[in-house]
Amino acid sequence: VALEFNLVLARRQRLAGGDAQLPLDATFKNEDGQTVRLGDYFGTRPVVVAFVYYECPMLCNQILNGIVSGISVLDQTVGTDFDVVAISFDARETPVQAAAKKATYLDRYQRPGTERGWHFLTGDEATIRRVTDTAGFQFAWDAATQQFAHASGIIVTTPEGKLSRYLFGIEYPPRDLKFALMESSAGKIGSVVDQVLLYCYHYEPATGSYSLAAMNAVRMGGVVT
C-alpha cells in the first residue's frame, strides 16, 4: 500500500490565512524519557521534521539516512543553524528505542557537539494523530506484513512551527535542503551567493523539489552582464 502526504488540510489552512501550524502544545517523551512539548524545539531556527518509527525494517531508516546524507555536506550544522525532530508514529515505541536511534544517527552525522539539535520523540496515539493529521502525513497498519504502510518524505518548518516545505521520497539533494532551510528561516541562513542561487530556483509543491526558474535566471544573467 503506497501512501502519500495529504496536502489538502495544509492548503486549506493557507487559504484561511497562513501556512499550517504544528500543534506546539502537543506533549511527547524525548529520548531521555522526559515529558516535553513539541514547542520546546521551535522558536529560534528552522526544523526538519521526519515522521518515522524506530523499529521500521526499511523505509524509515532510508528516510533518516537520506536526511543525514543531505545535511552532511551542508555548511549549516544541526543544533546551530537548524534542528532535526523525528517523531515516532508507532504509539507502542518507547524512549529506549528513541535513544538508540538517536545514537545511531549522531554517529553517522560525525559532527561532535550537535546532539542538542537532534530530537527523537515518542507519544500516545491521540497526540501522534493530532500532529500527523496537521502535517498531512498518512500511515496505516498492514496486518498482512505486520508493518506500517506510510508516506515517505520530510517537512521543513519555520522557527515558529509553520509547515514551509515538503521534500518527498527518501533522498534529499543538499541543494533542495539548503534552499528549503533558507526559505524557512526567512533568509537568515545562507550566504549572499546562496541567496542569488535561490533567486534562480523555484519550489515545486507537486514534486517537493526545486527547479530552475528560467525567467529569473535570465534576469540574473542580464544583471551580471
C-alpha atoms as a PDB file:
ATOM      1  CA  VAL A   1       0.000   0.000   0.000  1.00  0.00           C
ATOM      2  CA  ALA A   2       1.530   3.300  -1.088  1.00  0.00           C
ATOM      3  CA  LEU A   3       0.584   6.329   0.998  1.00  0.00           C
ATOM      4  CA  GLU A   4       1.484   9.910   0.225  1.00  0.00           C
ATOM      5  CA  PHE A   5       1.300  13.196   2.067  1.00  0.00           C
ATOM      6  CA  ASN A   6      -2.220  14.602   2.057  1.00  0.00           C
ATOM      7  CA  LEU A   7      -1.750  18.314   1.476  1.00  0.00           C
ATOM      8  CA  VAL A   8      -5.447  19.229   1.443  1.00  0.00           C
ATOM      9  CA  LEU A   9      -5.511  20.331   5.075  1.00  0.00           C
ATOM     10  CA  ALA A  10      -2.372  22.402   4.755  1.00  0.00           C
ATOM     11  CA  ARG A  11      -3.720  24.070   1.613  1.00  0.00           C
ATOM     12  CA  ARG A  12      -6.997  24.897   3.333  1.00  0.00           C
ATOM     13  CA  GLN A  13      -5.159  26.441   6.246  1.00  0.00           C
ATOM     14  CA  ARG A  14      -3.050  28.553   3.874  1.00  0.00           C
ATOM     15  CA  LEU A  15      -6.211  29.812   2.178  1.00  0.00           C
ATOM     16  CA  ALA A  16      -7.598  30.608   5.623  1.00  0.00           C
ATOM     17  CA  GLY A  17      -4.715  32.944   6.291  1.00  0.00           C
ATOM     18  CA  GLY A  18      -1.313  31.345   6.595  1.00  0.00           C
ATOM     19  CA  ASP A  19       0.747  28.193   6.490  1.00  0.00           C
ATOM     20  CA  ALA A  20      -0.427  25.206   8.521  1.00  0.00           C
ATOM     21  CA  GLN A  21       0.812  25.389  12.097  1.00  0.00           C
ATOM     22  CA  LEU A  22       2.038  22.348  14.012  1.00  0.00           C
ATOM     23  CA  PRO A  23       0.360  21.991  17.433  1.00  0.00           C
ATOM     24  CA  LEU A  24       3.283  23.120  19.570  1.00  0.00           C
ATOM     25  CA  ASP A  25       1.430  22.337  22.806  1.00  0.00           C
ATOM     26  CA  ALA A  26       1.419  18.601  21.966  1.00  0.00           C
ATOM     27  CA  THR A  27       3.348  16.604  24.569  1.00  0.00           C
ATOM     28  CA  PHE A  28       5.756  13.727  23.918  1.00  0.00           C
ATOM     29  CA  LYS A  29       8.535  11.810  25.626  1.00  0.00           C
ATOM     30  CA  ASN A  30      12.046  12.613  24.464  1.00  0.00           C
ATOM     31  CA  GLU A  31      14.855  10.083  24.113  1.00  0.00           C
ATOM     32  CA  ASP A  32      15.697  10.562  27.804  1.00  0.00           C
ATOM     33  CA  GLY A  33      12.173   9.724  28.907  1.00  0.00           C
ATOM     34  CA  GLN A  34      11.334  13.305  29.853  1.00  0.00           C
ATOM     35  CA  THR A  35       7.938  14.826  29.053  1.00  0.00           C
ATOM     36  CA  VAL A  36       8.382  17.637  26.558  1.00  0.00           C
ATOM     37  CA  ARG A  37       6.247  19.950  24.462  1.00  0.00           C
ATOM     38  CA  LEU A  38       6.716  19.938  20.717  1.00  0.00           C
ATOM     39  CA  GLY A  39       7.168  23.690  21.015  1.00  0.00           C
ATOM     40  CA  ASP A  40      10.337  23.140  23.066  1.00  0.00           C
ATOM     41  CA  TYR A  41      12.137  22.500  19.768  1.00  0.00           C
ATOM     42  CA  PHE A  42      10.902  25.583  17.957  1.00  0.00           C
ATOM     43  CA  GLY A  43      11.383  29.305  18.266  1.00  0.00           C
ATOM     44  CA  THR A  44      14.918  30.132  17.143  1.00  0.00           C
ATOM     45  CA  ARG A  45      15.730  28.225  13.928  1.00  0.00           C
ATOM     46  CA  PRO A  46      14.043  26.120  11.230  1.00  0.00           C
ATOM     47  CA  VAL A  47      13.338  22.459  11.926  1.00  0.00           C
ATOM     48  CA  VAL A  48      13.488  19.373   9.726  1.00  0.00           C
ATOM     49  CA  VAL A  49      10.620  17.109  10.819  1.00  0.00           C
ATOM     50  CA  ALA A  50      10.561  13.391   9.986  1.00  0.00           C
ATOM     51  CA  PHE A  51       7.676  11.050  10.811  1.00  0.00           C
ATOM     52  CA  VAL A  52       9.146   7.567  11.227  1.00  0.00           C
ATOM     53  CA  TYR A  53       9.002   4.614  13.553  1.00  0.00           C
ATOM     54  CA  TYR A  54      12.164   3.318  15.117  1.00  0.00           C
ATOM     55  CA  GLU A  55      11.632  -0.412  14.569  1.00  0.00           C
ATOM     56  CA  CYS A  56      10.779   0.067  10.904  1.00  0.00           C
ATOM     57  CA  PRO A  57      12.668  -2.608   8.938  1.00  0.00           C
ATOM     58  CA  MET A  58      13.439  -0.490   5.883  1.00  0.00           C
ATOM     59  CA  LEU A  59      11.733   2.718   4.700  1.00  0.00           C
ATOM     60  CA  CYS A  60      12.111   4.824   7.858  1.00  0.00           C
ATOM     61  CA  ASN A  61      15.816   4.072   8.006  1.00  0.00           C
ATOM     62  CA  GLN A  62      16.109   5.174   4.391  1.00  0.00           C
ATOM     63  CA  ILE A  63      14.367   8.437   5.235  1.00  0.00           C
ATOM     64  CA  LEU A  64      16.729   9.115   8.148  1.00  0.00           C
ATOM     65  CA  ASN A  65      19.716   8.028   6.063  1.00  0.00           C
ATOM     66  CA  GLY A  66      18.577  10.452   3.366  1.00  0.00           C
ATOM     67  CA  ILE A  67      18.467  13.303   5.871  1.00  0.00           C
ATOM     68  CA  VAL A  68      21.985  12.600   7.103  1.00  0.00           C
ATOM     69  CA  SER A  69      23.351  12.215   3.570  1.00  0.00           C
ATOM     70  CA  GLY A  70      21.806  15.521   2.534  1.00  0.00           C
ATOM     71  CA  ILE A  71      22.781  17.628   5.527  1.00  0.00           C
ATOM     72  CA  SER A  72      26.278  16.181   5.971  1.00  0.00           C
ATOM     73  CA  VAL A  73      27.607  18.225   3.045  1.00  0.00           C
ATOM     74  CA  LEU A  74      25.909  21.491   4.042  1.00  0.00           C
ATOM     75  CA  ASP A  75      27.819  24.370   5.579  1.00  0.00           C
ATOM     76  CA  GLN A  76      24.969  24.655   8.058  1.00  0.00           C
ATOM     77  CA  THR A  77      25.056  22.492  11.190  1.00  0.00           C
ATOM     78  CA  VAL A  78      22.374  20.725  13.204  1.00  0.00           C
ATOM     79  CA  GLY A  79      21.932  22.386  16.590  1.00  0.00           C
ATOM     80  CA  THR A  80      23.341  25.697  15.387  1.00  0.00           C
ATOM     81  CA  ASP A  81      21.502  26.598  12.190  1.00  0.00           C
ATOM     82  CA  PHE A  82      18.570  24.172  12.297  1.00  0.00           C
ATOM     83  CA  ASP A  83      17.233  21.218  14.288  1.00  0.00           C
ATOM     84  CA  VAL A  84      16.058  17.730  13.327  1.00  0.00           C
ATOM     85  CA  VAL A  85      12.977  16.331  15.066  1.00  0.00           C
ATOM     86  CA  ALA A  86      11.994  12.710  14.450  1.00  0.00           C
ATOM     87  CA  ILE A  87       8.542  11.723  15.701  1.00  0.00           C
ATOM     88  CA  SER A  88       7.595   8.062  16.001  1.00  0.00           C
ATOM     89  CA  PHE A  89       4.073   7.368  14.771  1.00  0.00           C
ATOM     90  CA  ASP A  90       4.030   3.952  16.498  1.00  0.00           C
ATOM     91  CA  ALA A  91       2.481   4.612  19.910  1.00  0.00           C
ATOM     92  CA  ARG A  92       3.983   1.353  21.225  1.00  0.00           C
ATOM     93  CA  GLU A  93       7.550   2.631  20.942  1.00  0.00           C
ATOM     94  CA  THR A  94       9.479   3.908  23.931  1.00  0.00           C
ATOM     95  CA  PRO A  95      12.245   6.403  24.774  1.00  0.00           C
ATOM     96  CA  VAL A  96      14.690   3.482  24.900  1.00  0.00           C
ATOM     97  CA  GLN A  97      14.164   2.853  21.202  1.00  0.00           C
ATOM     98  CA  ALA A  98      14.310   6.586  20.504  1.00  0.00           C
ATOM     99  CA  ALA A  99      17.646   6.897  22.331  1.00  0.00           C
ATOM    100  CA  ALA A 100      19.143   4.002  20.372  1.00  0.00           C
ATOM    101  CA  LYS A 101      18.059   5.568  17.082  1.00  0.00           C
ATOM    102  CA  LYS A 102      19.462   8.948  18.071  1.00  0.00           C
ATOM    103  CA  ALA A 103      22.827   7.394  18.928  1.00  0.00           C
ATOM    104  CA  THR A 104      22.924   5.719  15.503  1.00  0.00           C
ATOM    105  CA  TYR A 105      22.381   8.941  13.600  1.00  0.00           C
ATOM    106  CA  LEU A 106      24.666  11.051  15.752  1.00  0.00           C
ATOM    107  CA  ASP A 107      27.369   8.549  14.882  1.00  0.00           C
ATOM    108  CA  ARG A 108      26.509   8.803  11.182  1.00  0.00           C
ATOM    109  CA  TYR A 109      26.467  12.606  11.196  1.00  0.00           C
ATOM    110  CA  GLN A 110      30.000  12.813  12.572  1.00  0.00           C
ATOM    111  CA  ARG A 111      29.820  16.401  13.840  1.00  0.00           C
ATOM    112  CA  PRO A 112      30.689  16.455  17.551  1.00  0.00           C
ATOM    113  CA  GLY A 113      28.612  18.634  19.835  1.00  0.00           C
ATOM    114  CA  THR A 114      25.470  18.508  17.712  1.00  0.00           C
ATOM    115  CA  GLU A 115      23.464  16.209  19.968  1.00  0.00           C
ATOM    116  CA  ARG A 116      21.462  19.204  21.241  1.00  0.00           C
ATOM    117  CA  GLY A 117      19.980  19.604  17.768  1.00  0.00           C
ATOM    118  CA  TRP A 118      18.751  16.014  17.263  1.00  0.00           C
ATOM    119  CA  HIS A 119      15.472  15.031  18.934  1.00  0.00           C
ATOM    120  CA  PHE A 120      13.732  11.641  18.790  1.00  0.00           C
ATOM    121  CA  LEU A 121      10.244  11.609  20.283  1.00  0.00           C
ATOM    122  CA  THR A 122       7.581   9.075  21.209  1.00  0.00           C
ATOM    123  CA  GLY A 123       3.985   9.682  22.219  1.00  0.00           C
ATOM    124  CA  ASP A 124       0.469   8.338  22.642  1.00  0.00           C
ATOM    125  CA  GLU A 125      -1.786   7.608  19.695  1.00  0.00           C
ATOM    126  CA  ALA A 126      -4.040  10.653  20.108  1.00  0.00           C
ATOM    127  CA  THR A 127      -1.105  13.061  20.194  1.00  0.00           C
ATOM    128  CA  ILE A 128       0.587  11.380  17.259  1.00  0.00           C
ATOM    129  CA  ARG A 129      -2.583  11.592  15.171  1.00  0.00           C
ATOM    130  CA  ARG A 130      -3.058  15.229  16.072  1.00  0.00           C
ATOM    131  CA  VAL A 131       0.398  16.151  14.777  1.00  0.00           C
ATOM    132  CA  THR A 132       0.457  13.876  11.723  1.00  0.00           C
ATOM    133  CA  ASP A 133      -3.024  14.997  10.632  1.00  0.00           C
ATOM    134  CA  THR A 134      -1.916  18.622  10.784  1.00  0.00           C
ATOM    135  CA  ALA A 135       1.107  17.805   8.636  1.00  0.00           C
ATOM    136  CA  GLY A 136      -0.908  15.715   6.186  1.00  0.00           C
ATOM    137  CA  PHE A 137       1.188  12.628   6.932  1.00  0.00           C
ATOM    138  CA  GLN A 138      -0.624   9.344   6.276  1.00  0.00           C
ATOM    139  CA  PHE A 139       0.085   5.933   7.769  1.00  0.00           C
ATOM    140  CA  ALA A 140      -1.800   2.691   8.374  1.00  0.00           C
ATOM    141  CA  TRP A 141      -1.043  -0.650   9.986  1.00  0.00           C
ATOM    142  CA  ASP A 142      -0.769  -3.507   7.484  1.00  0.00           C
ATOM    143  CA  ALA A 143      -1.778  -6.706   9.280  1.00  0.00           C
ATOM    144  CA  ALA A 144      -0.525  -8.895   6.437  1.00  0.00           C
ATOM    145  CA  THR A 145       3.073  -7.697   6.695  1.00  0.00           C
ATOM    146  CA  GLN A 146       2.935  -6.658  10.366  1.00  0.00           C
ATOM    147  CA  GLN A 147       4.359  -3.290   9.367  1.00  0.00           C
ATOM    148  CA  PHE A 148       3.141   0.253   8.869  1.00  0.00           C
ATOM    149  CA  ALA A 149       2.447   1.496   5.372  1.00  0.00           C
ATOM    150  CA  HIS A 150       3.293   5.165   5.338  1.00  0.00           C
ATOM    151  CA  ALA A 151       4.214   8.205   3.299  1.00  0.00           C
ATOM    152  CA  SER A 152       7.835   8.921   2.501  1.00  0.00           C
ATOM    153  CA  GLY A 153       9.326  12.365   2.888  1.00  0.00           C
ATOM    154  CA  ILE A 154      10.286  15.113   5.308  1.00  0.00           C
ATOM    155  CA  ILE A 155       8.992  18.572   6.190  1.00  0.00           C
ATOM    156  CA  VAL A 156      10.994  21.728   6.755  1.00  0.00           C
ATOM    157  CA  THR A 157       9.222  24.153   9.087  1.00  0.00           C
ATOM    158  CA  THR A 158       9.789  27.737  10.092  1.00  0.00           C
ATOM    159  CA  PRO A 159      11.165  28.514  13.560  1.00  0.00           C
ATOM    160  CA  GLU A 160       7.557  29.166  14.605  1.00  0.00           C
ATOM    161  CA  GLY A 161       6.471  25.658  13.596  1.00  0.00           C
ATOM    162  CA  LYS A 162       4.658  26.553  10.375  1.00  0.00           C
ATOM    163  CA  LEU A 163       4.853  23.963   7.582  1.00  0.00           C
ATOM    164  CA  SER A 164       7.074  25.525   4.958  1.00  0.00           C
ATOM    165  CA  ARG A 165       8.436  22.937   2.515  1.00  0.00           C
ATOM    166  CA  TYR A 166       7.786  19.257   1.803  1.00  0.00           C
ATOM    167  CA  LEU A 167      10.607  17.161   0.330  1.00  0.00           C
ATOM    168  CA  PHE A 168       9.310  13.818  -0.933  1.00  0.00           C
ATOM    169  CA  GLY A 169      10.958  10.415  -1.267  1.00  0.00           C
ATOM    170  CA  ILE A 170      13.962   9.014   0.567  1.00  0.00           C
ATOM    171  CA  GLU A 171      16.777  11.099  -0.908  1.00  0.00           C
ATOM    172  CA  TYR A 172      17.024  14.833  -0.304  1.00  0.00           C
ATOM    173  CA  PRO A 173      19.529  16.683  -2.509  1.00  0.00           C
ATOM    174  CA  PRO A 174      21.693  19.090  -0.487  1.00  0.00           C
ATOM    175  CA  ARG A 175      20.597  21.929  -2.781  1.00  0.00           C
ATOM    176  CA  ASP A 176      16.926  21.308  -2.001  1.00  0.00           C
ATOM    177  CA  LEU A 177      17.612  21.035   1.721  1.00  0.00           C
ATOM    178  CA  LYS A 178      19.657  24.229   1.751  1.00  0.00           C
ATOM    179  CA  PHE A 179      17.056  26.192  -0.211  1.00  0.00           C
ATOM    180  CA  ALA A 180      14.235  24.868   1.994  1.00  0.00           C
ATOM    181  CA  LEU A 181      16.132  25.863   5.139  1.00  0.00           C
ATOM    182  CA  MET A 182      16.937  29.284   3.690  1.00  0.00           C
ATOM    183  CA  GLU A 183      13.312  29.977   2.811  1.00  0.00           C
ATOM    184  CA  SER A 184      12.049  28.612   6.114  1.00  0.00           C
ATOM    185  CA  SER A 185      14.458  30.838   8.032  1.00  0.00           C
ATOM    186  CA  ALA A 186      13.362  33.951   6.085  1.00  0.00           C
ATOM    187  CA  GLY A 187      16.832  34.296   4.581  1.00  0.00           C
ATOM    188  CA  LYS A 188      18.743  34.101   7.864  1.00  0.00           C
ATOM    189  CA  ILE A 189      20.595  31.003   6.654  1.00  0.00           C
ATOM    190  CA  GLY A 190      22.908  31.029   3.649  1.00  0.00           C
ATOM    191  CA  SER A 191      25.449  33.345   2.089  1.00  0.00           C
ATOM    192  CA  VAL A 192      24.843  36.088  -0.476  1.00  0.00           C
ATOM    193  CA  VAL A 193      25.813  33.603  -3.196  1.00  0.00           C
ATOM    194  CA  ASP A 194      23.239  31.143  -1.829  1.00  0.00           C
ATOM    195  CA  GLN A 195      20.579  33.857  -1.934  1.00  0.00           C
ATOM    196  CA  VAL A 196      21.427  34.598  -5.576  1.00  0.00           C
ATOM    197  CA  LEU A 197      21.171  30.897  -6.451  1.00  0.00           C
ATOM    198  CA  LEU A 198      17.841  30.609  -4.632  1.00  0.00           C
ATOM    199  CA  TYR A 199      16.520  33.505  -6.738  1.00  0.00           C
ATOM    200  CA  CYS A 200      17.151  31.366  -9.824  1.00  0.00           C
ATOM    201  CA  TYR A 201      15.228  28.361  -8.486  1.00  0.00           C
ATOM    202  CA  HIS A 202      11.571  27.788  -7.768  1.00  0.00           C
ATOM    203  CA  TYR A 203       9.984  25.343  -5.325  1.00  0.00           C
ATOM    204  CA  GLU A 204       7.549  22.923  -6.983  1.00  0.00           C
ATOM    205  CA  PRO A 205       4.918  21.785  -4.425  1.00  0.00           C
ATOM    206  CA  ALA A 206       3.775  18.900  -6.626  1.00  0.00           C
ATOM    207  CA  THR A 207       7.234  17.310  -6.696  1.00  0.00           C
ATOM    208  CA  GLY A 208       8.629  18.612  -3.410  1.00  0.00           C
ATOM    209  CA  SER A 209      11.808  19.824  -5.091  1.00  0.00           C
ATOM    210  CA  TYR A 210      13.414  22.918  -6.615  1.00  0.00           C
ATOM    211  CA  SER A 211      13.705  23.533 -10.334  1.00  0.00           C
ATOM    212  CA  LEU A 212      15.366  26.250 -12.356  1.00  0.00           C
ATOM    213  CA  ALA A 213      13.196  29.344 -12.734  1.00  0.00           C
ATOM    214  CA  ALA A 214      14.172  30.205 -16.304  1.00  0.00           C
ATOM    215  CA  MET A 215      12.970  33.808 -16.304  1.00  0.00           C
ATOM    216  CA  ASN A 216      14.688  34.610 -13.019  1.00  0.00           C
ATOM    217  CA  ALA A 217      17.867  33.022 -14.321  1.00  0.00           C
ATOM    218  CA  VAL A 218      17.650  35.196 -17.449  1.00  0.00           C
ATOM    219  CA  ARG A 219      17.127  38.298 -15.344  1.00  0.00           C
ATOM    220  CA  MET A 220      20.089  37.416 -13.158  1.00  0.00           C
ATOM    221  CA  GLY A 221      22.204  36.806 -16.252  1.00  0.00           C
ATOM    222  CA  GLY A 222      21.244  40.246 -17.500  1.00  0.00           C
ATOM    223  CA  VAL A 223      22.299  41.837 -14.236  1.00  0.00           C
ATOM    224  CA  VAL A 224      25.638  40.041 -14.332  1.00  0.00           C
ATOM    225  CA  THR A 225      26.166  41.046 -17.960  1.00  0.00           C
END
